[in-house]
Amino acid sequence: MKQLHKVTFILLIIGGLNWGLEAFSYGLGNWIPENIMMIVYILVGLSALVEIFNHKSFCRNCNPQGM
């Protein structure tokens, strides 16, 4: 489960950075083919759902006994 948390966290970082870059028209969607970006968007969305439902068990601030 710890590995899943690491993967989802990395994908959320990628998604957040992409949103920031999109504000300046430099997002990944401008450089990577649309069919590949759809997969990236789906993975980032699924990662967000995993973190929403599992965050409290992984977060050291929310769960002092965590990890």
PDB file of N, CA and C in Angstrom:
ATOM      1  N   MET A   1       0.816  -1.189   0.000  1.00  0.00           N
ATOM      2  CA  MET A   1       0.000   0.000   0.000  1.00  0.00           C
ATOM      3  C   MET A   1       0.868   1.265   0.000  1.00  0.00           C
ATOM      4  N   LYS A   2       2.042   1.163   0.622  1.00  0.00           N
ATOM      5  CA  LYS A   2       2.935   2.313   0.659  1.00  0.00           C
ATOM      6  C   LYS A   2       3.406   2.677  -0.755  1.00  0.00           C
ATOM      7  N   GLN A   3       3.649   1.663  -1.592  1.00  0.00           N
ATOM      8  CA  GLN A   3       4.073   1.903  -2.968  1.00  0.00           C
ATOM      9  C   GLN A   3       2.972   2.610  -3.768  1.00  0.00           C
ATOM     10  N   LEU A   4       1.732   2.190  -3.539  1.00  0.00           N
ATOM     11  CA  LEU A   4       0.600   2.834  -4.208  1.00  0.00           C
ATOM     12  C   LEU A   4       0.535   4.306  -3.830  1.00  0.00           C
ATOM     13  N   HIS A   5       0.762   4.593  -2.558  1.00  0.00           N
ATOM     14  CA  HIS A   5       0.758   5.984  -2.100  1.00  0.00           C
ATOM     15  C   HIS A   5       1.853   6.791  -2.797  1.00  0.00           C
ATOM     16  N   LYS A   6       3.035   6.223  -2.943  1.00  0.00           N
ATOM     17  CA  LYS A   6       4.134   6.924  -3.609  1.00  0.00           C
ATOM     18  C   LYS A   6       3.797   7.212  -5.074  1.00  0.00           C
ATOM     19  N   VAL A   7       3.249   6.216  -5.754  1.00  0.00           N
ATOM     20  CA  VAL A   7       2.897   6.387  -7.173  1.00  0.00           C
ATOM     21  C   VAL A   7       1.808   7.447  -7.330  1.00  0.00           C
ATOM     22  N   THR A   8       0.768   7.371  -6.498  1.00  0.00           N
ATOM     23  CA  THR A   8      -0.312   8.352  -6.614  1.00  0.00           C
ATOM     24  C   THR A   8       0.179   9.749  -6.280  1.00  0.00           C
ATOM     25  N   PHE A   9       1.061   9.861  -5.305  1.00  0.00           N
ATOM     26  CA  PHE A   9       1.596  11.171  -4.943  1.00  0.00           C
ATOM     27  C   PHE A   9       2.401  11.764  -6.102  1.00  0.00           C
ATOM     28  N   ILE A  10       3.234  10.956  -6.739  1.00  0.00           N
ATOM     29  CA  ILE A  10       4.024  11.431  -7.879  1.00  0.00           C
ATOM     30  C   ILE A  10       3.108  11.862  -9.022  1.00  0.00           C
ATOM     31  N   LEU A  11       2.067  11.081  -9.297  1.00  0.00           N
ATOM     32  CA  LEU A  11       1.134  11.449 -10.369  1.00  0.00           C
ATOM     33  C   LEU A  11       0.388  12.737 -10.035  1.00  0.00           C
ATOM     34  N   LEU A  12       0.072  12.948  -8.771  1.00  0.00           N
ATOM     35  CA  LEU A  12      -0.582  14.198  -8.387  1.00  0.00           C
ATOM     36  C   LEU A  12       0.365  15.393  -8.530  1.00  0.00           C
ATOM     37  N   ILE A  13       1.629  15.202  -8.249  1.00  0.00           N
ATOM     38  CA  ILE A  13       2.622  16.262  -8.461  1.00  0.00           C
ATOM     39  C   ILE A  13       2.693  16.599  -9.954  1.00  0.00           C
ATOM     40  N   ILE A  14       2.757  15.571 -10.791  1.00  0.00           N
ATOM     41  CA  ILE A  14       2.800  15.788 -12.243  1.00  0.00           C
ATOM     42  C   ILE A  14       1.556  16.546 -12.696  1.00  0.00           C
ATOM     43  N   GLY A  15       0.386  16.118 -12.203  1.00  0.00           N
ATOM     44  CA  GLY A  15      -0.857  16.798 -12.578  1.00  0.00           C
ATOM     45  C   GLY A  15      -0.884  18.240 -12.123  1.00  0.00           C
ATOM     46  N   GLY A  16      -0.425  18.502 -10.907  1.00  0.00           N
ATOM     47  CA  GLY A  16      -0.401  19.875 -10.398  1.00  0.00           C
ATOM     48  C   GLY A  16       0.550  20.763 -11.179  1.00  0.00           C
ATOM     49  N   LEU A  17       1.729  20.243 -11.486  1.00  0.00           N
ATOM     50  CA  LEU A  17       2.676  21.009 -12.285  1.00  0.00           C
ATOM     51  C   LEU A  17       2.131  21.281 -13.681  1.00  0.00           C
ATOM     52  N   ASN A  18       1.449  20.295 -14.245  1.00  0.00           N
ATOM     53  CA  ASN A  18       0.862  20.480 -15.569  1.00  0.00           C
ATOM     54  C   ASN A  18      -0.188  21.599 -15.546  1.00  0.00           C
ATOM     55  N   TRP A  19      -1.016  21.631 -14.500  1.00  0.00           N
ATOM     56  CA  TRP A  19      -2.010  22.704 -14.389  1.00  0.00           C
ATOM     57  C   TRP A  19      -1.315  24.060 -14.295  1.00  0.00           C
ATOM     58  N   GLY A  20      -0.246  24.124 -13.534  1.00  0.00           N
ATOM     59  CA  GLY A  20       0.504  25.378 -13.438  1.00  0.00           C
ATOM     60  C   GLY A  20       1.091  25.804 -14.768  1.00  0.00           C
ATOM     61  N   LEU A  21       1.642  24.843 -15.495  1.00  0.00           N
ATOM     62  CA  LEU A  21       2.202  25.143 -16.810  1.00  0.00           C
ATOM     63  C   LEU A  21       1.115  25.538 -17.805  1.00  0.00           C
ATOM     64  N   GLU A  22      -0.064  24.932 -17.697  1.00  0.00           N
ATOM     65  CA  GLU A  22      -1.169  25.275 -18.597  1.00  0.00           C
ATOM     66  C   GLU A  22      -1.563  26.746 -18.462  1.00  0.00           C
ATOM     67  N   ALA A  23      -1.376  27.314 -17.289  1.00  0.00           N
ATOM     68  CA  ALA A  23      -1.704  28.729 -17.084  1.00  0.00           C
ATOM     69  C   ALA A  23      -0.864  29.621 -17.992  1.00  0.00           C
ATOM     70  N   PHE A  24       0.309  29.141 -18.379  1.00  0.00           N
ATOM     71  CA  PHE A  24       1.197  29.903 -19.255  1.00  0.00           C
ATOM     72  C   PHE A  24       1.298  29.279 -20.649  1.00  0.00           C
ATOM     73  N   SER A  25       0.361  28.386 -20.977  1.00  0.00           N
ATOM     74  CA  SER A  25       0.286  27.700 -22.275  1.00  0.00           C
ATOM     75  C   SER A  25       1.508  26.835 -22.562  1.00  0.00           C
ATOM     76  N   TYR A  26       2.096  26.242 -21.520  1.00  0.00           N
ATOM     77  CA  TYR A  26       3.226  25.338 -21.700  1.00  0.00           C
ATOM     78  C   TYR A  26       2.936  23.939 -21.187  1.00  0.00           C
ATOM     79  N   GLY A  27       1.683  23.593 -20.966  1.00  0.00           N
ATOM     80  CA  GLY A  27       1.322  22.294 -20.406  1.00  0.00           C
ATOM     81  C   GLY A  27       1.705  21.134 -21.303  1.00  0.00           C
ATOM     82  N   LEU A  28       1.686  19.955 -20.716  1.00  0.00           N
ATOM     83  CA  LEU A  28       2.048  18.740 -21.450  1.00  0.00           C
ATOM     84  C   LEU A  28       1.135  18.494 -22.644  1.00  0.00           C
ATOM     85  N   GLY A  29      -0.115  18.935 -22.563  1.00  0.00           N
ATOM     86  CA  GLY A  29      -1.065  18.733 -23.644  1.00  0.00           C
ATOM     87  C   GLY A  29      -0.653  19.390 -24.943  1.00  0.00           C
ATOM     88  N   ASN A  30       0.228  20.380 -24.875  1.00  0.00           N
ATOM     89  CA  ASN A  30       0.708  21.054 -26.077  1.00  0.00           C
ATOM     90  C   ASN A  30       1.836  20.293 -26.760  1.00  0.00           C
ATOM     91  N   TRP A  31       2.464  19.353 -26.060  1.00  0.00           N
ATOM     92  CA  TRP A  31       3.660  18.709 -26.573  1.00  0.00           C
ATOM     93  C   TRP A  31       3.511  17.199 -26.773  1.00  0.00           C
ATOM     94  N   ILE A  32       2.577  16.585 -26.084  1.00  0.00           N
ATOM     95  CA  ILE A  32       2.422  15.133 -26.130  1.00  0.00           C
ATOM     96  C   ILE A  32       1.132  14.796 -26.881  1.00  0.00           C
ATOM     97  N   PRO A  33       1.141  13.740 -27.711  1.00  0.00           N
ATOM     98  CA  PRO A  33      -0.065  13.371 -28.474  1.00  0.00           C
ATOM     99  C   PRO A  33      -1.290  13.174 -27.569  1.00  0.00           C
ATOM    100  N   GLU A  34      -2.441  13.501 -28.120  1.00  0.00           N
ATOM    101  CA  GLU A  34      -3.692  13.506 -27.358  1.00  0.00           C
ATOM    102  C   GLU A  34      -4.038  12.150 -26.741  1.00  0.00           C
ATOM    103  N   ASN A  35      -3.794  11.055 -27.466  1.00  0.00           N
ATOM    104  CA  ASN A  35      -4.152   9.735 -26.935  1.00  0.00           C
ATOM    105  C   ASN A  35      -3.287   9.368 -25.722  1.00  0.00           C
ATOM    106  N   ILE A  36      -2.031   9.770 -25.710  1.00  0.00           N
ATOM    107  CA  ILE A  36      -1.168   9.520 -24.552  1.00  0.00           C
ATOM    108  C   ILE A  36      -1.579  10.426 -23.393  1.00  0.00           C
ATOM    109  N   MET A  37      -1.922  11.664 -23.686  1.00  0.00           N
ATOM    110  CA  MET A  37      -2.335  12.590 -22.626  1.00  0.00           C
ATOM    111  C   MET A  37      -3.625  12.127 -21.968  1.00  0.00           C
ATOM    112  N   MET A  38      -4.508  11.498 -22.717  1.00  0.00           N
ATOM    113  CA  MET A  38      -5.744  10.983 -22.126  1.00  0.00           C
ATOM    114  C   MET A  38      -5.415   9.945 -21.057  1.00  0.00           C
ATOM    115  N   ILE A  39      -4.442   9.101 -21.326  1.00  0.00           N
ATOM    116  CA  ILE A  39      -4.020   8.109 -20.335  1.00  0.00           C
ATOM    117  C   ILE A  39      -3.437   8.799 -19.101  1.00  0.00           C
ATOM    118  N   VAL A  40      -2.616   9.817 -19.313  1.00  0.00           N
ATOM    119  CA  VAL A  40      -2.030  10.562 -18.189  1.00  0.00           C
ATOM    120  C   VAL A  40      -3.137  11.214 -17.365  1.00  0.00           C
ATOM    121  N   TYR A  41      -4.101  11.842 -18.019  1.00  0.00           N
ATOM    122  CA  TYR A  41      -5.206  12.493 -17.303  1.00  0.00           C
ATOM    123  C   TYR A  41      -6.019  11.482 -16.495  1.00  0.00           C
ATOM    124  N   ILE A  42      -6.265  10.322 -17.064  1.00  0.00           N
ATOM    125  CA  ILE A  42      -7.013   9.284 -16.351  1.00  0.00           C
ATOM    126  C   ILE A  42      -6.225   8.813 -15.126  1.00  0.00           C
ATOM    127  N   LEU A  43      -4.926   8.589 -15.286  1.00  0.00           N
ATOM    128  CA  LEU A  43      -4.095   8.150 -14.156  1.00  0.00           C
ATOM    129  C   LEU A  43      -4.033   9.201 -13.054  1.00  0.00           C
ATOM    130  N   VAL A  44      -3.926  10.454 -13.430  1.00  0.00           N
ATOM    131  CA  VAL A  44      -3.902  11.530 -12.430  1.00  0.00           C
ATOM    132  C   VAL A  44      -5.246  11.601 -11.708  1.00  0.00           C
ATOM    133  N   GLY A  45      -6.342  11.473 -12.441  1.00  0.00           N
ATOM    134  CA  GLY A  45      -7.670  11.484 -11.820  1.00  0.00           C
ATOM    135  C   GLY A  45      -7.866  10.319 -10.871  1.00  0.00           C
ATOM    136  N   LEU A  46      -7.439   9.129 -11.271  1.00  0.00           N
ATOM    137  CA  LEU A  46      -7.542   7.963 -10.389  1.00  0.00           C
ATOM    138  C   LEU A  46      -6.654   8.132  -9.154  1.00  0.00           C
ATOM    139  N   SER A  47      -5.496   8.735  -9.343  1.00  0.00           N
ATOM    140  CA  SER A  47      -4.600   8.990  -8.211  1.00  0.00           C
ATOM    141  C   SER A  47      -5.248   9.924  -7.204  1.00  0.00           C
ATOM    142  N   ALA A  48      -5.941  10.926  -7.703  1.00  0.00           N
ATOM    143  CA  ALA A  48      -6.632  11.847  -6.804  1.00  0.00           C
ATOM    144  C   ALA A  48      -7.700  11.117  -5.999  1.00  0.00           C
ATOM    145  N   LEU A  49      -8.430  10.226  -6.644  1.00  0.00           N
ATOM    146  CA  LEU A  49      -9.453   9.457  -5.924  1.00  0.00           C
ATOM    147  C   LEU A  49      -8.830   8.557  -4.858  1.00  0.00           C
ATOM    148  N   VAL A  50      -7.731   7.905  -5.192  1.00  0.00           N
ATOM    149  CA  VAL A  50      -7.053   7.050  -4.214  1.00  0.00           C
ATOM    150  C   VAL A  50      -6.605   7.881  -3.014  1.00  0.00           C
ATOM    151  N   GLU A  51      -6.026   9.046  -3.277  1.00  0.00           N
ATOM    152  CA  GLU A  51      -5.562   9.889  -2.181  1.00  0.00           C
ATOM    153  C   GLU A  51      -6.728  10.439  -1.354  1.00  0.00           C
ATOM    154  N   ILE A  52      -7.838  10.758  -1.990  1.00  0.00           N
ATOM    155  CA  ILE A  52      -9.002  11.255  -1.248  1.00  0.00           C
ATOM    156  C   ILE A  52      -9.464  10.212  -0.242  1.00  0.00           C
ATOM    157  N   PHE A  53      -9.538   8.958  -0.666  1.00  0.00           N
ATOM    158  CA  PHE A  53     -10.078   7.921   0.201  1.00  0.00           C
ATOM    159  C   PHE A  53      -9.046   7.307   1.151  1.00  0.00           C
ATOM    160  N   ASN A  54      -7.753   7.427   0.839  1.00  0.00           N
ATOM    161  CA  ASN A  54      -6.727   6.803   1.674  1.00  0.00           C
ATOM    162  C   ASN A  54      -5.822   7.805   2.383  1.00  0.00           C
ATOM    163  N   HIS A  55      -6.034   9.076   2.185  1.00  0.00           N
ATOM    164  CA  HIS A  55      -5.130  10.094   2.716  1.00  0.00           C
ATOM    165  C   HIS A  55      -4.942   9.994   4.225  1.00  0.00           C
ATOM    166  N   LYS A  56      -6.025   9.864   4.941  1.00  0.00           N
ATOM    167  CA  LYS A  56      -5.944   9.885   6.393  1.00  0.00           C
ATOM    168  C   LYS A  56      -5.071   8.758   6.947  1.00  0.00           C
ATOM    169  N   SER A  57      -5.071   7.607   6.318  1.00  0.00           N
ATOM    170  CA  SER A  57      -4.249   6.499   6.809  1.00  0.00           C
ATOM    171  C   SER A  57      -2.761   6.692   6.491  1.00  0.00           C
ATOM    172  N   PHE A  58      -2.433   7.492   5.467  1.00  0.00           N
ATOM    173  CA  PHE A  58      -1.039   7.706   5.087  1.00  0.00           C
ATOM    174  C   PHE A  58      -0.437   8.983   5.665  1.00  0.00           C
ATOM    175  N   CYS A  59      -1.248   9.976   5.957  1.00  0.00           N
ATOM    176  CA  CYS A  59      -0.760  11.287   6.368  1.00  0.00           C
ATOM    177  C   CYS A  59      -0.290  11.261   7.830  1.00  0.00           C
ATOM    178  N   ARG A  60       0.926  11.659   8.060  1.00  0.00           N
ATOM    179  CA  ARG A  60       1.466  11.674   9.417  1.00  0.00           C
ATOM    180  C   ARG A  60       0.797  12.746  10.272  1.00  0.00           C
ATOM    181  N   ASN A  61       0.345  13.819   9.659  1.00  0.00           N
ATOM    182  CA  ASN A  61      -0.335  14.876  10.416  1.00  0.00           C
ATOM    183  C   ASN A  61      -1.754  14.486  10.795  1.00  0.00           C
ATOM    184  N   CYS A  62      -2.429  13.748   9.923  1.00  0.00           N
ATOM    185  CA  CYS A  62      -3.794  13.319  10.194  1.00  0.00           C
ATOM    186  C   CYS A  62      -3.827  12.088  11.085  1.00  0.00           C
ATOM    187  N   ASN A  63      -2.816  11.258  10.983  1.00  0.00           N
ATOM    188  CA  ASN A  63      -2.761  10.005  11.732  1.00  0.00           C
ATOM    189  C   ASN A  63      -1.367   9.893  12.350  1.00  0.00           C
ATOM    190  N   PRO A  64      -1.169  10.374  13.577  1.00  0.00           N
ATOM    191  CA  PRO A  64       0.164  10.369  14.187  1.00  0.00           C
ATOM    192  C   PRO A  64       0.822   8.992  14.236  1.00  0.00           C
ATOM    193  N   GLN A  65       0.047   7.904  14.276  1.00  0.00           N
ATOM    194  CA  GLN A  65       0.612   6.568  14.278  1.00  0.00           C
ATOM    195  C   GLN A  65       0.906   6.084  12.853  1.00  0.00           C
ATOM    196  N   GLY A  66       0.552   6.884  11.849  1.00  0.00           N
ATOM    197  CA  GLY A  66       0.615   6.493  10.435  1.00  0.00           C
ATOM    198  C   GLY A  66       1.925   5.885   9.994  1.00  0.00           C
ATOM    199  N   MET A  67       1.867   5.277   8.861  1.00  0.00           N
ATOM    200  CA  MET A  67       2.948   4.592   8.173  1.00  0.00           C
ATOM    201  C   MET A  67       3.722   3.814   9.177  1.00  0.00           C
TER     202      MET A  67
END
